[in-house]
N, C-alpha and C. Protein backbone atom coordinates (compact mmCIF):
# COMPACT_ATOMS: atom_id res chain seq x y z
N UNK A 1 31.67 113.61 83.13
CA UNK A 1 30.45 112.89 82.80
C UNK A 1 30.52 111.47 83.37
N UNK A 2 29.56 111.09 84.18
CA UNK A 2 29.52 109.76 84.77
C UNK A 2 28.98 108.75 83.74
N UNK A 3 29.51 107.52 83.77
CA UNK A 3 29.06 106.46 82.88
C UNK A 3 28.76 105.22 83.71
N UNK A 4 27.60 104.66 83.57
CA UNK A 4 27.21 103.45 84.28
C UNK A 4 27.36 102.26 83.35
N UNK A 5 28.20 101.29 83.73
CA UNK A 5 28.43 100.10 82.91
C UNK A 5 27.70 98.93 83.55
N UNK A 6 26.69 98.41 82.89
CA UNK A 6 25.88 97.31 83.42
C UNK A 6 26.38 95.94 82.97
N UNK A 7 27.24 95.92 81.94
CA UNK A 7 27.79 94.67 81.42
C UNK A 7 28.93 94.22 82.31
N UNK A 8 28.74 93.16 83.10
CA UNK A 8 29.75 92.73 84.06
C UNK A 8 31.04 92.29 83.39
N UNK A 9 30.89 91.60 82.25
CA UNK A 9 32.09 91.12 81.54
C UNK A 9 32.93 92.28 81.03
N UNK A 10 32.26 93.27 80.46
CA UNK A 10 32.97 94.45 79.97
C UNK A 10 33.59 95.23 81.13
N UNK A 11 32.85 95.35 82.25
CA UNK A 11 33.35 96.07 83.41
C UNK A 11 34.61 95.41 83.96
N UNK A 12 34.61 94.08 84.02
CA UNK A 12 35.79 93.36 84.50
C UNK A 12 36.97 93.55 83.55
N UNK A 13 36.72 93.51 82.27
CA UNK A 13 37.79 93.73 81.29
C UNK A 13 38.35 95.14 81.42
N UNK A 14 37.49 96.10 81.65
CA UNK A 14 37.92 97.49 81.81
C UNK A 14 38.80 97.63 83.05
N UNK A 15 38.40 96.98 84.15
CA UNK A 15 39.21 97.03 85.37
C UNK A 15 40.59 96.40 85.15
N UNK A 16 40.62 95.27 84.46
CA UNK A 16 41.89 94.61 84.19
C UNK A 16 42.80 95.46 83.33
N UNK A 17 42.21 96.19 82.38
CA UNK A 17 43.01 97.07 81.53
C UNK A 17 43.60 98.22 82.34
N UNK A 18 42.82 98.73 83.28
CA UNK A 18 43.33 99.82 84.12
C UNK A 18 44.45 99.32 85.03
N UNK A 19 44.31 98.10 85.55
CA UNK A 19 45.37 97.52 86.37
C UNK A 19 46.65 97.34 85.55
N UNK A 20 46.50 96.87 84.32
CA UNK A 20 47.66 96.58 83.47
C UNK A 20 48.51 97.81 83.18
N UNK A 21 47.86 98.98 83.07
CA UNK A 21 48.61 100.20 82.76
C UNK A 21 48.78 101.10 83.97
N UNK A 22 48.37 100.65 85.13
CA UNK A 22 48.58 101.40 86.38
C UNK A 22 47.60 102.51 86.65
N UNK A 23 46.49 102.57 85.92
CA UNK A 23 45.52 103.64 86.13
C UNK A 23 44.62 103.38 87.34
N UNK A 24 44.66 102.17 87.88
CA UNK A 24 43.79 101.83 89.00
C UNK A 24 44.31 102.34 90.34
N UNK A 25 45.45 102.98 90.33
CA UNK A 25 46.05 103.45 91.59
C UNK A 25 45.11 104.34 92.38
N UNK A 26 44.29 105.12 91.68
CA UNK A 26 43.39 106.06 92.35
C UNK A 26 41.95 105.55 92.42
N UNK A 27 41.71 104.32 91.93
CA UNK A 27 40.37 103.77 91.99
C UNK A 27 40.02 103.34 93.40
N UNK A 28 38.74 103.30 93.70
CA UNK A 28 38.27 102.92 95.03
C UNK A 28 37.10 101.97 94.89
N UNK A 29 36.71 101.33 95.98
CA UNK A 29 35.50 100.51 96.02
C UNK A 29 34.67 100.98 97.20
N UNK A 30 33.44 101.36 96.90
CA UNK A 30 32.53 101.86 97.94
C UNK A 30 31.45 100.80 98.16
N UNK A 31 31.62 100.02 99.23
CA UNK A 31 30.65 98.95 99.55
C UNK A 31 30.30 98.12 98.32
N UNK A 32 31.35 97.67 97.63
CA UNK A 32 31.16 96.78 96.50
C UNK A 32 31.00 97.46 95.14
N UNK A 33 30.87 98.77 95.14
CA UNK A 33 30.75 99.51 93.88
C UNK A 33 32.11 100.08 93.49
N UNK A 34 32.58 99.64 92.32
CA UNK A 34 33.91 100.06 91.86
C UNK A 34 33.83 101.49 91.34
N UNK A 35 34.68 102.38 91.89
CA UNK A 35 34.69 103.79 91.51
C UNK A 35 35.99 104.10 90.77
N UNK A 36 35.88 104.44 89.51
CA UNK A 36 37.05 104.79 88.70
C UNK A 36 37.30 106.29 88.82
N UNK A 37 38.32 106.63 89.57
CA UNK A 37 38.60 108.05 89.83
C UNK A 37 39.31 108.68 88.64
N UNK A 38 39.07 109.99 88.41
CA UNK A 38 39.79 110.66 87.35
C UNK A 38 41.28 110.73 87.66
N UNK A 39 42.10 110.64 86.64
CA UNK A 39 43.55 110.72 86.82
C UNK A 39 43.92 112.10 87.33
N UNK A 40 44.61 112.21 88.47
CA UNK A 40 44.99 113.53 88.98
C UNK A 40 45.90 114.26 87.99
N UNK A 41 45.64 115.56 87.82
CA UNK A 41 46.50 116.33 86.95
C UNK A 41 47.80 116.71 87.67
N UNK A 42 48.69 117.39 86.97
CA UNK A 42 50.01 117.70 87.52
C UNK A 42 49.90 118.57 88.78
N UNK A 43 49.01 119.54 88.75
CA UNK A 43 48.82 120.43 89.89
C UNK A 43 48.40 119.64 91.13
N UNK A 44 47.45 118.75 90.94
CA UNK A 44 46.95 117.87 92.03
C UNK A 44 48.10 117.07 92.63
N UNK A 45 48.88 116.44 91.77
CA UNK A 45 49.96 115.60 92.26
C UNK A 45 51.07 116.42 92.93
N UNK A 46 51.33 117.62 92.43
CA UNK A 46 52.35 118.47 93.03
C UNK A 46 51.95 118.91 94.44
N UNK A 47 50.68 119.29 94.60
CA UNK A 47 50.20 119.68 95.93
C UNK A 47 50.34 118.52 96.91
N UNK A 48 49.91 117.34 96.50
CA UNK A 48 49.98 116.17 97.38
C UNK A 48 51.42 115.84 97.74
N UNK A 49 52.32 115.88 96.77
CA UNK A 49 53.72 115.56 97.02
C UNK A 49 54.36 116.56 97.98
N UNK A 50 54.09 117.85 97.78
CA UNK A 50 54.67 118.87 98.64
C UNK A 50 54.14 118.78 100.07
N UNK A 51 52.83 118.56 100.21
CA UNK A 51 52.29 118.40 101.56
C UNK A 51 52.87 117.18 102.25
N UNK A 52 53.02 116.08 101.49
CA UNK A 52 53.61 114.89 102.05
C UNK A 52 55.03 115.15 102.55
N UNK A 53 55.80 115.94 101.79
CA UNK A 53 57.17 116.26 102.18
C UNK A 53 57.19 117.12 103.45
N UNK A 54 56.26 118.05 103.55
CA UNK A 54 56.18 118.90 104.75
C UNK A 54 55.83 118.07 105.97
N UNK A 55 54.85 117.18 105.82
CA UNK A 55 54.45 116.32 106.94
C UNK A 55 55.60 115.41 107.36
N UNK A 56 56.32 114.91 106.36
CA UNK A 56 57.45 114.01 106.66
C UNK A 56 58.52 114.77 107.44
N UNK A 57 58.83 115.97 107.02
CA UNK A 57 59.84 116.77 107.71
C UNK A 57 59.39 117.15 109.12
N UNK A 58 58.07 117.36 109.28
CA UNK A 58 57.56 117.84 110.57
C UNK A 58 57.38 116.73 111.59
N UNK A 59 56.83 115.60 111.17
CA UNK A 59 56.53 114.53 112.14
C UNK A 59 57.08 113.18 111.75
N UNK A 60 57.64 113.08 110.54
CA UNK A 60 58.11 111.79 110.06
C UNK A 60 59.56 111.52 110.36
N UNK A 61 60.20 110.82 109.44
CA UNK A 61 61.62 110.46 109.55
C UNK A 61 61.90 109.55 110.72
N UNK A 62 60.93 108.76 111.11
CA UNK A 62 61.17 107.70 112.10
C UNK A 62 60.27 106.52 111.74
N UNK A 63 60.51 105.42 112.41
CA UNK A 63 59.77 104.20 112.07
C UNK A 63 58.37 104.16 112.67
N UNK A 64 58.06 105.09 113.56
CA UNK A 64 56.77 105.02 114.26
C UNK A 64 55.69 105.88 113.61
N UNK A 65 56.06 106.99 113.00
CA UNK A 65 55.10 107.85 112.31
C UNK A 65 55.14 107.53 110.82
N UNK A 66 53.97 107.32 110.23
CA UNK A 66 53.87 106.96 108.81
C UNK A 66 53.22 108.10 108.04
N UNK A 67 53.93 108.60 107.03
CA UNK A 67 53.40 109.61 106.11
C UNK A 67 53.40 109.00 104.71
N UNK A 68 52.24 109.00 104.07
CA UNK A 68 52.11 108.39 102.74
C UNK A 68 51.36 109.31 101.80
N UNK A 69 51.85 109.42 100.58
CA UNK A 69 51.11 110.12 99.52
C UNK A 69 50.28 109.05 98.80
N UNK A 70 49.05 108.88 99.28
CA UNK A 70 48.16 107.85 98.77
C UNK A 70 48.24 106.59 99.61
N UNK A 71 47.09 106.04 99.97
CA UNK A 71 47.02 104.80 100.75
C UNK A 71 45.63 104.23 100.65
N UNK A 72 45.54 102.91 100.81
CA UNK A 72 44.24 102.25 100.87
C UNK A 72 43.75 102.25 102.31
N UNK A 73 42.62 102.88 102.56
CA UNK A 73 42.05 102.97 103.89
C UNK A 73 40.70 102.25 103.91
N UNK A 74 40.58 101.23 104.76
CA UNK A 74 39.37 100.44 104.81
C UNK A 74 38.80 100.42 106.23
N UNK A 75 37.59 99.88 106.34
CA UNK A 75 36.93 99.73 107.63
C UNK A 75 36.99 98.28 108.11
N UNK A 76 37.79 97.47 107.42
CA UNK A 76 37.86 96.05 107.78
C UNK A 76 39.22 95.47 107.42
N UNK A 77 39.59 94.37 108.10
CA UNK A 77 40.82 93.67 107.81
C UNK A 77 40.61 92.70 106.66
N UNK A 78 39.74 91.71 106.87
CA UNK A 78 39.45 90.74 105.82
C UNK A 78 38.40 91.30 104.87
N UNK A 79 38.60 91.03 103.58
CA UNK A 79 37.66 91.52 102.57
C UNK A 79 37.72 93.02 102.40
N UNK A 80 38.86 93.61 102.69
CA UNK A 80 38.98 95.07 102.63
C UNK A 80 38.73 95.61 101.23
N UNK A 81 38.99 94.77 100.18
CA UNK A 81 38.81 95.23 98.81
C UNK A 81 37.35 95.57 98.49
N UNK A 82 36.43 95.16 99.37
CA UNK A 82 35.00 95.45 99.16
C UNK A 82 34.65 96.88 99.55
N UNK A 83 35.53 97.54 100.34
CA UNK A 83 35.18 98.88 100.81
C UNK A 83 36.45 99.61 101.25
N UNK A 84 36.93 100.51 100.40
CA UNK A 84 38.11 101.28 100.77
C UNK A 84 38.14 102.61 100.02
N UNK A 85 38.88 103.58 100.59
CA UNK A 85 39.06 104.88 99.97
C UNK A 85 40.57 105.15 99.90
N UNK A 86 40.94 106.11 99.05
CA UNK A 86 42.35 106.42 98.83
C UNK A 86 42.59 107.92 99.01
N UNK A 87 42.81 108.39 100.23
CA UNK A 87 43.12 109.81 100.42
C UNK A 87 44.41 110.18 99.70
N UNK A 88 44.57 111.47 99.38
CA UNK A 88 45.76 111.92 98.67
C UNK A 88 47.00 111.87 99.56
N UNK A 89 46.86 112.23 100.83
CA UNK A 89 47.96 112.16 101.78
C UNK A 89 47.40 111.67 103.12
N UNK A 90 48.15 110.82 103.81
CA UNK A 90 47.74 110.37 105.14
C UNK A 90 48.92 110.45 106.10
N UNK A 91 48.59 110.67 107.37
CA UNK A 91 49.57 110.63 108.46
C UNK A 91 49.02 109.73 109.55
N UNK A 92 49.80 108.71 109.90
CA UNK A 92 49.46 107.83 111.02
C UNK A 92 50.52 108.04 112.11
N UNK A 93 50.11 108.54 113.25
CA UNK A 93 51.02 108.80 114.36
C UNK A 93 51.23 107.53 115.19
N UNK A 94 52.27 107.51 116.04
CA UNK A 94 52.54 106.30 116.84
C UNK A 94 51.37 105.88 117.73
N UNK A 95 50.51 106.83 118.09
CA UNK A 95 49.37 106.54 118.97
C UNK A 95 48.13 106.06 118.22
N UNK A 96 48.23 105.91 116.90
CA UNK A 96 47.05 105.55 116.11
C UNK A 96 46.44 104.22 116.56
N UNK A 97 45.13 104.16 116.43
CA UNK A 97 44.40 102.91 116.72
C UNK A 97 44.24 102.06 115.46
N UNK A 98 44.63 102.62 114.31
CA UNK A 98 44.52 101.90 113.05
C UNK A 98 45.59 100.83 112.94
N UNK A 99 45.34 99.84 112.10
CA UNK A 99 46.29 98.75 111.90
C UNK A 99 46.80 98.75 110.45
N UNK A 100 48.10 98.58 110.32
CA UNK A 100 48.73 98.52 109.01
C UNK A 100 48.86 97.06 108.59
N UNK A 101 48.15 96.69 107.53
CA UNK A 101 48.20 95.30 107.04
C UNK A 101 49.01 95.18 105.76
N UNK A 102 49.82 96.18 105.48
CA UNK A 102 50.67 96.12 104.29
C UNK A 102 49.95 96.56 103.03
N UNK A 103 48.89 95.85 102.68
CA UNK A 103 48.10 96.21 101.50
C UNK A 103 47.18 97.40 101.77
N UNK A 104 46.80 97.56 103.05
CA UNK A 104 45.83 98.59 103.41
C UNK A 104 45.91 98.89 104.89
N UNK A 105 45.28 99.97 105.26
CA UNK A 105 45.11 100.33 106.68
C UNK A 105 43.67 100.05 107.08
N UNK A 106 43.49 99.43 108.21
CA UNK A 106 42.16 99.25 108.78
C UNK A 106 42.00 100.30 109.86
N UNK A 107 41.23 101.32 109.55
CA UNK A 107 41.09 102.44 110.47
C UNK A 107 41.59 103.72 109.84
N UNK A 108 41.02 104.83 110.27
CA UNK A 108 41.34 106.11 109.65
C UNK A 108 42.66 106.68 110.11
N UNK A 109 43.25 107.55 109.27
CA UNK A 109 44.49 108.22 109.63
C UNK A 109 44.25 109.30 110.68
N UNK A 110 45.34 109.71 111.33
CA UNK A 110 45.23 110.83 112.26
C UNK A 110 44.98 112.13 111.50
N UNK A 111 45.61 112.24 110.32
CA UNK A 111 45.41 113.43 109.48
C UNK A 111 45.37 112.96 108.03
N UNK A 112 44.40 113.48 107.28
CA UNK A 112 44.27 113.11 105.87
C UNK A 112 44.02 114.35 105.03
N UNK A 113 44.42 114.26 103.76
CA UNK A 113 44.19 115.35 102.81
C UNK A 113 43.45 114.78 101.60
N UNK A 114 42.42 115.49 101.18
CA UNK A 114 41.72 115.19 99.95
C UNK A 114 41.77 116.44 99.07
N UNK A 115 42.30 116.27 97.83
CA UNK A 115 42.37 117.35 96.86
C UNK A 115 41.28 117.11 95.84
N UNK A 116 40.38 118.05 95.72
CA UNK A 116 39.20 117.85 94.87
C UNK A 116 39.57 118.00 93.39
N UNK A 117 39.15 117.04 92.58
CA UNK A 117 39.31 117.09 91.13
C UNK A 117 37.94 117.12 90.48
N UNK A 118 37.91 117.49 89.20
CA UNK A 118 36.63 117.51 88.48
C UNK A 118 35.98 116.14 88.52
N UNK A 119 34.71 116.12 88.80
CA UNK A 119 33.88 114.92 88.73
C UNK A 119 34.18 113.87 89.81
N UNK A 120 35.03 114.22 90.80
CA UNK A 120 35.21 113.24 91.87
C UNK A 120 34.14 113.46 92.93
N UNK A 121 34.15 112.64 93.96
CA UNK A 121 33.10 112.72 94.98
C UNK A 121 33.71 112.82 96.38
N UNK A 122 34.67 113.75 96.47
CA UNK A 122 35.40 113.91 97.73
C UNK A 122 34.48 114.04 98.93
N UNK A 123 33.48 114.90 98.83
CA UNK A 123 32.64 115.15 100.01
C UNK A 123 31.72 113.98 100.34
N UNK A 124 31.48 113.14 99.36
CA UNK A 124 30.71 111.93 99.64
C UNK A 124 31.50 110.92 100.47
N UNK A 125 32.81 111.14 100.56
CA UNK A 125 33.67 110.23 101.34
C UNK A 125 33.68 110.59 102.83
N UNK A 126 33.21 111.76 103.18
CA UNK A 126 33.34 112.22 104.57
C UNK A 126 32.67 111.29 105.58
N UNK A 127 31.47 110.77 105.31
CA UNK A 127 30.90 109.81 106.27
C UNK A 127 31.77 108.58 106.49
N UNK A 128 32.41 108.11 105.41
CA UNK A 128 33.33 106.96 105.56
C UNK A 128 34.52 107.35 106.43
N UNK A 129 35.12 108.50 106.16
CA UNK A 129 36.27 108.93 106.97
C UNK A 129 35.88 109.12 108.43
N UNK A 130 34.65 109.55 108.66
CA UNK A 130 34.15 109.66 110.04
C UNK A 130 34.05 108.27 110.67
N UNK A 131 33.47 107.34 109.92
CA UNK A 131 33.23 105.98 110.42
C UNK A 131 34.53 105.32 110.85
N UNK A 132 35.61 105.51 110.07
CA UNK A 132 36.87 104.82 110.37
C UNK A 132 37.72 105.59 111.38
N UNK A 133 37.23 106.73 111.86
CA UNK A 133 37.92 107.44 112.93
C UNK A 133 39.02 108.38 112.50
N UNK A 134 38.92 108.93 111.30
CA UNK A 134 39.90 109.94 110.86
C UNK A 134 39.80 111.14 111.77
N UNK A 135 40.91 111.54 112.38
CA UNK A 135 40.85 112.62 113.36
C UNK A 135 40.69 114.00 112.74
N UNK A 136 41.43 114.25 111.65
CA UNK A 136 41.29 115.52 110.93
C UNK A 136 41.40 115.28 109.44
N UNK A 137 40.65 116.06 108.67
CA UNK A 137 40.64 115.96 107.21
C UNK A 137 40.74 117.36 106.64
N UNK A 138 41.74 117.58 105.78
CA UNK A 138 41.89 118.85 105.07
C UNK A 138 41.40 118.64 103.64
N UNK A 139 40.37 119.40 103.26
CA UNK A 139 39.82 119.31 101.91
C UNK A 139 40.27 120.55 101.13
N UNK A 140 40.92 120.30 99.99
CA UNK A 140 41.44 121.39 99.16
C UNK A 140 40.58 121.46 97.89
N UNK A 141 39.75 122.50 97.82
CA UNK A 141 38.93 122.75 96.62
C UNK A 141 39.71 123.65 95.69
N UNK A 142 39.56 123.42 94.37
CA UNK A 142 40.30 124.24 93.40
C UNK A 142 39.42 124.95 92.38
N UNK A 143 38.11 124.86 92.53
CA UNK A 143 37.21 125.53 91.57
C UNK A 143 35.87 125.81 92.24
N UNK A 144 35.73 126.92 92.97
CA UNK A 144 36.76 127.92 93.29
C UNK A 144 37.67 127.42 94.41
N UNK A 145 38.76 128.13 94.63
CA UNK A 145 39.75 127.70 95.61
C UNK A 145 39.30 127.96 97.04
N UNK A 146 39.48 126.96 97.89
CA UNK A 146 39.23 127.11 99.33
C UNK A 146 39.89 125.94 100.05
N UNK A 147 40.12 126.14 101.32
CA UNK A 147 40.59 125.07 102.21
C UNK A 147 39.55 124.90 103.29
N UNK A 148 39.25 123.65 103.63
CA UNK A 148 38.33 123.38 104.74
C UNK A 148 38.95 122.32 105.62
N UNK A 149 38.99 122.61 106.92
CA UNK A 149 39.51 121.64 107.89
C UNK A 149 38.34 121.06 108.67
N UNK A 150 38.26 119.73 108.68
CA UNK A 150 37.24 119.03 109.44
C UNK A 150 37.91 118.26 110.56
N UNK A 151 37.23 118.20 111.70
CA UNK A 151 37.80 117.52 112.87
C UNK A 151 36.76 116.56 113.45
N UNK A 152 37.23 115.40 113.90
CA UNK A 152 36.32 114.40 114.46
C UNK A 152 35.76 114.90 115.79
N UNK A 153 34.44 114.94 115.84
CA UNK A 153 33.73 115.34 117.06
C UNK A 153 32.70 114.26 117.35
N UNK A 154 32.95 113.48 118.40
CA UNK A 154 32.12 112.31 118.61
C UNK A 154 32.43 111.29 117.54
N UNK A 155 31.45 110.99 116.71
CA UNK A 155 31.66 110.03 115.62
C UNK A 155 31.55 110.68 114.24
N UNK A 156 31.57 112.01 114.19
CA UNK A 156 31.42 112.68 112.91
C UNK A 156 32.51 113.73 112.70
N UNK A 157 32.99 113.83 111.47
CA UNK A 157 33.89 114.91 111.10
C UNK A 157 33.07 116.16 110.86
N UNK A 158 33.43 117.22 111.57
CA UNK A 158 32.70 118.48 111.45
C UNK A 158 33.65 119.60 111.07
N UNK A 159 33.16 120.53 110.25
CA UNK A 159 33.98 121.64 109.79
C UNK A 159 34.35 122.56 110.96
N UNK A 160 35.63 122.92 111.02
CA UNK A 160 36.08 123.86 112.05
C UNK A 160 36.54 125.18 111.43
N UNK A 161 36.48 125.26 110.09
CA UNK A 161 36.87 126.51 109.45
C UNK A 161 37.15 126.35 107.97
N UNK A 162 36.96 127.45 107.23
CA UNK A 162 37.23 127.49 105.80
C UNK A 162 38.12 128.70 105.53
N UNK A 163 39.13 128.52 104.67
CA UNK A 163 40.02 129.60 104.30
C UNK A 163 39.86 129.88 102.80
N UNK A 164 39.55 131.15 102.47
CA UNK A 164 39.45 131.59 101.08
C UNK A 164 40.59 132.55 100.79
N UNK A 165 40.81 132.85 99.51
CA UNK A 165 41.89 133.77 99.14
C UNK A 165 41.65 135.15 99.77
N UNK A 166 40.41 135.66 99.67
CA UNK A 166 40.11 136.99 100.20
C UNK A 166 39.92 136.98 101.71
N UNK A 167 39.69 135.82 102.26
CA UNK A 167 39.58 135.71 103.72
C UNK A 167 40.48 134.55 104.15
N UNK A 168 41.78 134.79 104.06
CA UNK A 168 42.76 133.74 104.29
C UNK A 168 43.03 133.46 105.76
N UNK A 169 42.02 133.08 106.47
CA UNK A 169 42.18 132.78 107.89
C UNK A 169 42.97 131.48 108.04
N UNK A 170 43.89 131.43 109.02
CA UNK A 170 44.64 130.18 109.24
C UNK A 170 43.77 129.12 109.89
N UNK A 171 43.93 127.89 109.43
CA UNK A 171 43.24 126.74 109.99
C UNK A 171 44.28 125.93 110.77
N UNK A 172 44.13 125.91 112.08
CA UNK A 172 45.13 125.28 112.93
C UNK A 172 44.77 123.84 113.25
N UNK A 173 45.67 122.94 112.92
CA UNK A 173 45.48 121.52 113.23
C UNK A 173 45.75 121.26 114.70
N UNK A 174 44.99 120.36 115.27
CA UNK A 174 45.27 119.89 116.63
C UNK A 174 46.04 118.57 116.62
N UNK A 175 46.18 118.01 115.43
CA UNK A 175 46.88 116.73 115.28
C UNK A 175 48.34 116.96 114.92
N UNK A 176 48.57 117.86 114.00
CA UNK A 176 49.93 118.20 113.56
C UNK A 176 50.26 119.63 114.04
N UNK A 177 51.53 119.92 114.29
CA UNK A 177 51.91 121.27 114.71
C UNK A 177 51.98 122.22 113.50
N UNK A 178 50.88 122.28 112.75
CA UNK A 178 50.84 123.04 111.51
C UNK A 178 49.53 123.82 111.39
N UNK A 179 49.58 124.93 110.67
CA UNK A 179 48.37 125.64 110.27
C UNK A 179 48.41 125.85 108.77
N UNK A 180 47.21 126.02 108.18
CA UNK A 180 47.07 126.11 106.72
C UNK A 180 46.25 127.34 106.39
N UNK A 181 46.72 128.12 105.40
CA UNK A 181 46.01 129.34 105.01
C UNK A 181 46.13 129.54 103.52
N UNK A 182 45.03 129.89 102.87
CA UNK A 182 45.02 130.12 101.43
C UNK A 182 45.35 131.58 101.15
N UNK A 183 46.33 131.81 100.25
CA UNK A 183 46.74 133.17 99.87
C UNK A 183 46.82 133.26 98.35
N UNK A 184 46.87 134.49 97.84
CA UNK A 184 46.97 134.69 96.41
C UNK A 184 48.34 134.28 95.87
N UNK A 185 48.38 133.98 94.58
CA UNK A 185 49.64 133.62 93.93
C UNK A 185 49.64 134.10 92.50
N UNK A 186 50.79 133.94 91.82
CA UNK A 186 50.91 134.42 90.44
C UNK A 186 50.08 133.57 89.48
N UNK A 187 50.26 132.25 89.53
CA UNK A 187 49.54 131.37 88.62
C UNK A 187 48.25 130.84 89.21
N UNK A 188 48.27 130.62 90.51
CA UNK A 188 47.11 130.09 91.22
C UNK A 188 47.26 130.44 92.70
N UNK A 189 46.18 130.34 93.47
CA UNK A 189 46.33 130.53 94.91
C UNK A 189 47.32 129.50 95.50
N UNK A 190 47.99 129.88 96.55
CA UNK A 190 48.93 128.98 97.20
C UNK A 190 48.49 128.73 98.63
N UNK A 191 49.01 127.67 99.19
CA UNK A 191 48.69 127.30 100.56
C UNK A 191 49.90 127.59 101.44
N UNK A 192 49.72 128.52 102.37
CA UNK A 192 50.77 128.79 103.35
C UNK A 192 50.65 127.76 104.46
N UNK A 193 51.71 127.02 104.70
CA UNK A 193 51.76 126.05 105.80
C UNK A 193 52.78 126.53 106.80
N UNK A 194 52.36 126.75 108.03
CA UNK A 194 53.23 127.29 109.07
C UNK A 194 53.39 126.28 110.20
N UNK A 195 54.63 126.03 110.59
CA UNK A 195 54.88 125.12 111.70
C UNK A 195 54.89 125.91 113.00
N UNK A 196 54.04 125.52 113.93
CA UNK A 196 53.84 126.30 115.15
C UNK A 196 55.05 126.25 116.08
N UNK A 197 55.87 125.21 115.98
CA UNK A 197 57.00 125.08 116.91
C UNK A 197 58.10 126.09 116.65
N UNK A 198 58.29 126.50 115.39
CA UNK A 198 59.39 127.43 115.08
C UNK A 198 59.03 128.49 114.06
N UNK A 199 57.78 128.50 113.56
CA UNK A 199 57.36 129.51 112.61
C UNK A 199 57.80 129.26 111.18
N UNK A 200 58.44 128.14 110.91
CA UNK A 200 58.87 127.87 109.54
C UNK A 200 57.66 127.80 108.63
N UNK A 201 57.80 128.42 107.44
CA UNK A 201 56.67 128.52 106.51
C UNK A 201 57.04 127.93 105.15
N UNK A 202 56.08 127.19 104.60
CA UNK A 202 56.21 126.66 103.24
C UNK A 202 55.06 127.21 102.42
N UNK A 203 55.27 127.37 101.12
CA UNK A 203 54.20 127.71 100.20
C UNK A 203 53.99 126.56 99.24
N UNK A 204 52.78 126.03 99.24
CA UNK A 204 52.46 124.86 98.42
C UNK A 204 51.66 125.31 97.21
């Protein structure tokens, strides 16, 4: 349920309380509008952590490629706090045009992951990710389960495929040497991640 707070003093106090207890880690600002994101549940965090580990093993472990589970991504250097998003996982390759300013990145990642939670607005972020030049975006829906891979074409991220449990087609990245496919599992559907260079497979 969305709540609109018009009282500026109360809104500022609420933000300060979230900062004090660390709940603001997933909050974002969309062109000056503060967005309080729902706290990711354990499943959400586990998927992000495992994907981050796979990306790190595949392209990381050096000083030039950056893999992060969560990051501030903005379209500007100065005043970045006025407009930024926080993808669940990001990969910045050595050839990236984005700049790392320590507190945030100015420019989109080469590869990003968004895991959809109840009441979030993941798909509303796609125009922003397009604007900042995100090369590929993997969206993981969990109700119902699906994977969708979007790729930058011109100045817009466009869908290149969707994987469902009953139609678990592999989605091949052009940025990372990996493909992603949704398959059935005991407790929940799992994501098969296959490395194209040697066929190594992980289940997330």
